[in-house]
Amino acid sequence: MKTEQHELYEYARKRIKQKRIVYFHFVVLFLVSLFLFVSTKVFNFNQDANWHIWLITAWLFVFILHFIKVFITDRFMNKNWEREQIDRLVALQEKKIAELSDQINEEPPTK
């Protein structure tokens, strides 16, 4: 019982850490994007190129992938999902082994 509680605690701690990192990632993305926009538009820093738009777009894409991983993928594919998949595969293997052993037992020995 204690190990289950410890596993639940560790899972919750891991999820909170993942979410905190996503929020931090968003804040850094927002601040850097704001800085790039202001430095380019207001201070006319390198006005002839829109490199900051490409940088922000690429970073936003990476952030979206990070968000999807934490809030969608990891939410459903957690330890319980992993255990269910392992149990299902083990059951399938045991069933195949039982079928093969039945086939072996049913066949008459050849001389």
C-alpha atoms as a PDB file:
ATOM      1  CA  MET A   1       0.000   0.000   0.000  1.00  0.00           C
ATOM      2  CA  LYS A   2       2.829   2.376   0.833  1.00  0.00           C
ATOM      3  CA  THR A   3       4.532   1.746  -2.487  1.00  0.00           C
ATOM      4  CA  GLU A   4       1.321   2.607  -4.344  1.00  0.00           C
ATOM      5  CA  GLN A   5       1.018   5.859  -2.411  1.00  0.00           C
ATOM      6  CA  HIS A   6       4.659   6.627  -3.095  1.00  0.00           C
ATOM      7  CA  GLU A   7       4.160   5.940  -6.820  1.00  0.00           C
ATOM      8  CA  LEU A   8       1.109   8.212  -6.875  1.00  0.00           C
ATOM      9  CA  TYR A   9       3.064  10.921  -5.090  1.00  0.00           C
ATOM     10  CA  GLU A  10       6.014  10.609  -7.480  1.00  0.00           C
ATOM     11  CA  TYR A  11       3.696  10.697 -10.501  1.00  0.00           C
ATOM     12  CA  ALA A  12       1.946  13.830  -9.180  1.00  0.00           C
ATOM     13  CA  ARG A  13       5.294  15.472  -8.460  1.00  0.00           C
ATOM     14  CA  LYS A  14       6.547  14.658 -11.954  1.00  0.00           C
ATOM     15  CA  ARG A  15       3.387  16.037 -13.585  1.00  0.00           C
ATOM     16  CA  ILE A  16       3.579  19.265 -11.582  1.00  0.00           C
ATOM     17  CA  LYS A  17       7.209  19.692 -12.606  1.00  0.00           C
ATOM     18  CA  GLN A  18       6.307  19.115 -16.269  1.00  0.00           C
ATOM     19  CA  LYS A  19       3.503  21.674 -16.104  1.00  0.00           C
ATOM     20  CA  ARG A  20       5.704  24.213 -14.326  1.00  0.00           C
ATOM     21  CA  ILE A  21       8.315  23.879 -17.074  1.00  0.00           C
ATOM     22  CA  VAL A  22       5.648  24.422 -19.768  1.00  0.00           C
ATOM     23  CA  TYR A  23       4.424  27.573 -18.007  1.00  0.00           C
ATOM     24  CA  PHE A  24       8.003  28.819 -17.666  1.00  0.00           C
ATOM     25  CA  HIS A  25       8.595  28.039 -21.355  1.00  0.00           C
ATOM     26  CA  PHE A  26       5.524  30.107 -22.265  1.00  0.00           C
ATOM     27  CA  VAL A  27       6.618  33.084 -20.148  1.00  0.00           C
ATOM     28  CA  VAL A  28      10.124  33.056 -21.660  1.00  0.00           C
ATOM     29  CA  LEU A  29       8.653  32.746 -25.165  1.00  0.00           C
ATOM     30  CA  PHE A  30       6.332  35.680 -24.524  1.00  0.00           C
ATOM     31  CA  LEU A  31       9.032  37.924 -23.033  1.00  0.00           C
ATOM     32  CA  VAL A  32      11.616  37.176 -25.720  1.00  0.00           C
ATOM     33  CA  SER A  33       9.019  37.640 -28.456  1.00  0.00           C
ATOM     34  CA  LEU A  34       7.997  40.963 -26.956  1.00  0.00           C
ATOM     35  CA  PHE A  35      11.636  42.044 -26.695  1.00  0.00           C
ATOM     36  CA  LEU A  36      12.350  41.043 -30.311  1.00  0.00           C
ATOM     37  CA  PHE A  37       9.262  42.815 -31.569  1.00  0.00           C
ATOM     38  CA  VAL A  38      10.004  46.007 -29.624  1.00  0.00           C
ATOM     39  CA  SER A  39      13.693  46.038 -30.522  1.00  0.00           C
ATOM     40  CA  THR A  40      12.899  45.542 -34.208  1.00  0.00           C
ATOM     41  CA  LYS A  41       9.912  47.872 -34.598  1.00  0.00           C
ATOM     42  CA  VAL A  42      10.452  50.608 -32.036  1.00  0.00           C
ATOM     43  CA  PHE A  43      14.237  50.930 -32.133  1.00  0.00           C
ATOM     44  CA  ASN A  44      14.503  50.144 -35.877  1.00  0.00           C
ATOM     45  CA  PHE A  45      16.989  47.378 -35.177  1.00  0.00           C
ATOM     46  CA  ASN A  46      17.716  45.592 -38.460  1.00  0.00           C
ATOM     47  CA  GLN A  47      14.531  46.907 -40.074  1.00  0.00           C
ATOM     48  CA  ASP A  48      15.149  45.415 -43.531  1.00  0.00           C
ATOM     49  CA  ALA A  49      14.662  41.776 -42.457  1.00  0.00           C
ATOM     50  CA  ASN A  50      11.831  40.015 -40.623  1.00  0.00           C
ATOM     51  CA  TRP A  51      14.120  37.454 -39.011  1.00  0.00           C
ATOM     52  CA  HIS A  52      12.393  37.965 -35.661  1.00  0.00           C
ATOM     53  CA  ILE A  53       9.073  36.733 -37.104  1.00  0.00           C
ATOM     54  CA  TRP A  54      10.726  33.506 -38.266  1.00  0.00           C
ATOM     55  CA  LEU A  55      12.446  33.018 -34.920  1.00  0.00           C
ATOM     56  CA  ILE A  56       9.218  33.593 -32.988  1.00  0.00           C
ATOM     57  CA  THR A  57       7.287  31.266 -35.311  1.00  0.00           C
ATOM     58  CA  ALA A  58       9.842  28.469 -34.950  1.00  0.00           C
ATOM     59  CA  TRP A  59       9.934  28.880 -31.178  1.00  0.00           C
ATOM     60  CA  LEU A  60       6.118  28.917 -31.027  1.00  0.00           C
ATOM     61  CA  PHE A  61       6.066  25.645 -32.963  1.00  0.00           C
ATOM     62  CA  VAL A  62       8.488  24.082 -30.456  1.00  0.00           C
ATOM     63  CA  PHE A  63       6.349  25.388 -27.587  1.00  0.00           C
ATOM     64  CA  ILE A  64       3.193  23.882 -29.123  1.00  0.00           C
ATOM     65  CA  LEU A  65       4.952  20.499 -29.398  1.00  0.00           C
ATOM     66  CA  HIS A  66       6.044  20.792 -25.754  1.00  0.00           C
ATOM     67  CA  PHE A  67       2.486  21.708 -24.709  1.00  0.00           C
ATOM     68  CA  ILE A  68       1.015  18.744 -26.605  1.00  0.00           C
ATOM     69  CA  LYS A  69       3.525  16.361 -25.043  1.00  0.00           C
ATOM     70  CA  VAL A  70       2.805  17.493 -21.481  1.00  0.00           C
ATOM     71  CA  PHE A  71      -0.937  18.123 -21.571  1.00  0.00           C
ATOM     72  CA  ILE A  72      -2.131  15.570 -24.121  1.00  0.00           C
ATOM     73  CA  THR A  73       0.346  12.746 -24.693  1.00  0.00           C
ATOM     74  CA  ASP A  74       1.705  12.327 -21.157  1.00  0.00           C
ATOM     75  CA  ARG A  75      -1.746  12.781 -19.659  1.00  0.00           C
ATOM     76  CA  PHE A  76      -3.107   9.667 -21.340  1.00  0.00           C
ATOM     77  CA  MET A  77       0.063   7.607 -21.700  1.00  0.00           C
ATOM     78  CA  ASN A  78       1.008   7.479 -18.036  1.00  0.00           C
ATOM     79  CA  LYS A  79       2.079   4.595 -15.775  1.00  0.00           C
ATOM     80  CA  ASN A  80      -1.432   3.102 -15.697  1.00  0.00           C
ATOM     81  CA  TRP A  81      -1.637   3.084 -19.493  1.00  0.00           C
ATOM     82  CA  GLU A  82       1.805   1.469 -19.653  1.00  0.00           C
ATOM     83  CA  ARG A  83       0.805  -1.236 -17.150  1.00  0.00           C
ATOM     84  CA  GLU A  84      -2.417  -1.955 -19.049  1.00  0.00           C
ATOM     85  CA  GLN A  85      -0.489  -2.335 -22.311  1.00  0.00           C
ATOM     86  CA  ILE A  86       2.068  -4.636 -20.683  1.00  0.00           C
ATOM     87  CA  ASP A  87      -0.677  -6.754 -19.085  1.00  0.00           C
ATOM     88  CA  ARG A  88      -2.506  -6.981 -22.416  1.00  0.00           C
ATOM     89  CA  LEU A  89       0.632  -8.057 -24.287  1.00  0.00           C
ATOM     90  CA  VAL A  90       1.572 -10.592 -21.596  1.00  0.00           C
ATOM     91  CA  ALA A  91      -1.954 -12.059 -21.754  1.00  0.00           C
ATOM     92  CA  LEU A  92      -1.693 -12.352 -25.555  1.00  0.00           C
ATOM     93  CA  GLN A  93       1.673 -14.092 -25.276  1.00  0.00           C
ATOM     94  CA  GLU A  94       0.377 -16.486 -22.616  1.00  0.00           C
ATOM     95  CA  LYS A  95      -2.626 -17.274 -24.830  1.00  0.00           C
ATOM     96  CA  LYS A  96      -0.370 -18.042 -27.816  1.00  0.00           C
ATOM     97  CA  ILE A  97       1.901 -20.200 -25.674  1.00  0.00           C
ATOM     98  CA  ALA A  98      -1.128 -22.119 -24.357  1.00  0.00           C
ATOM     99  CA  GLU A  99      -2.415 -22.643 -27.909  1.00  0.00           C
ATOM    100  CA  LEU A 100       0.986 -23.886 -29.072  1.00  0.00           C
ATOM    101  CA  SER A 101       1.316 -26.264 -26.132  1.00  0.00           C
ATOM    102  CA  ASP A 102      -2.203 -27.599 -26.835  1.00  0.00           C
ATOM    103  CA  GLN A 103      -1.241 -28.185 -30.477  1.00  0.00           C
ATOM    104  CA  ILE A 104       1.915 -29.991 -29.415  1.00  0.00           C
ATOM    105  CA  ASN A 105      -0.005 -32.182 -26.951  1.00  0.00           C
ATOM    106  CA  GLU A 106      -2.687 -33.031 -29.527  1.00  0.00           C
ATOM    107  CA  GLU A 107      -0.322 -34.160 -32.278  1.00  0.00           C
ATOM    108  CA  PRO A 108       0.463 -37.846 -32.208  1.00  0.00           C
ATOM    109  CA  PRO A 109       4.149 -38.662 -32.001  1.00  0.00           C
ATOM    110  CA  THR A 110       5.651 -39.615 -35.319  1.00  0.00           C
ATOM    111  CA  LYS A 111       8.053 -42.558 -35.675  1.00  0.00           C
END
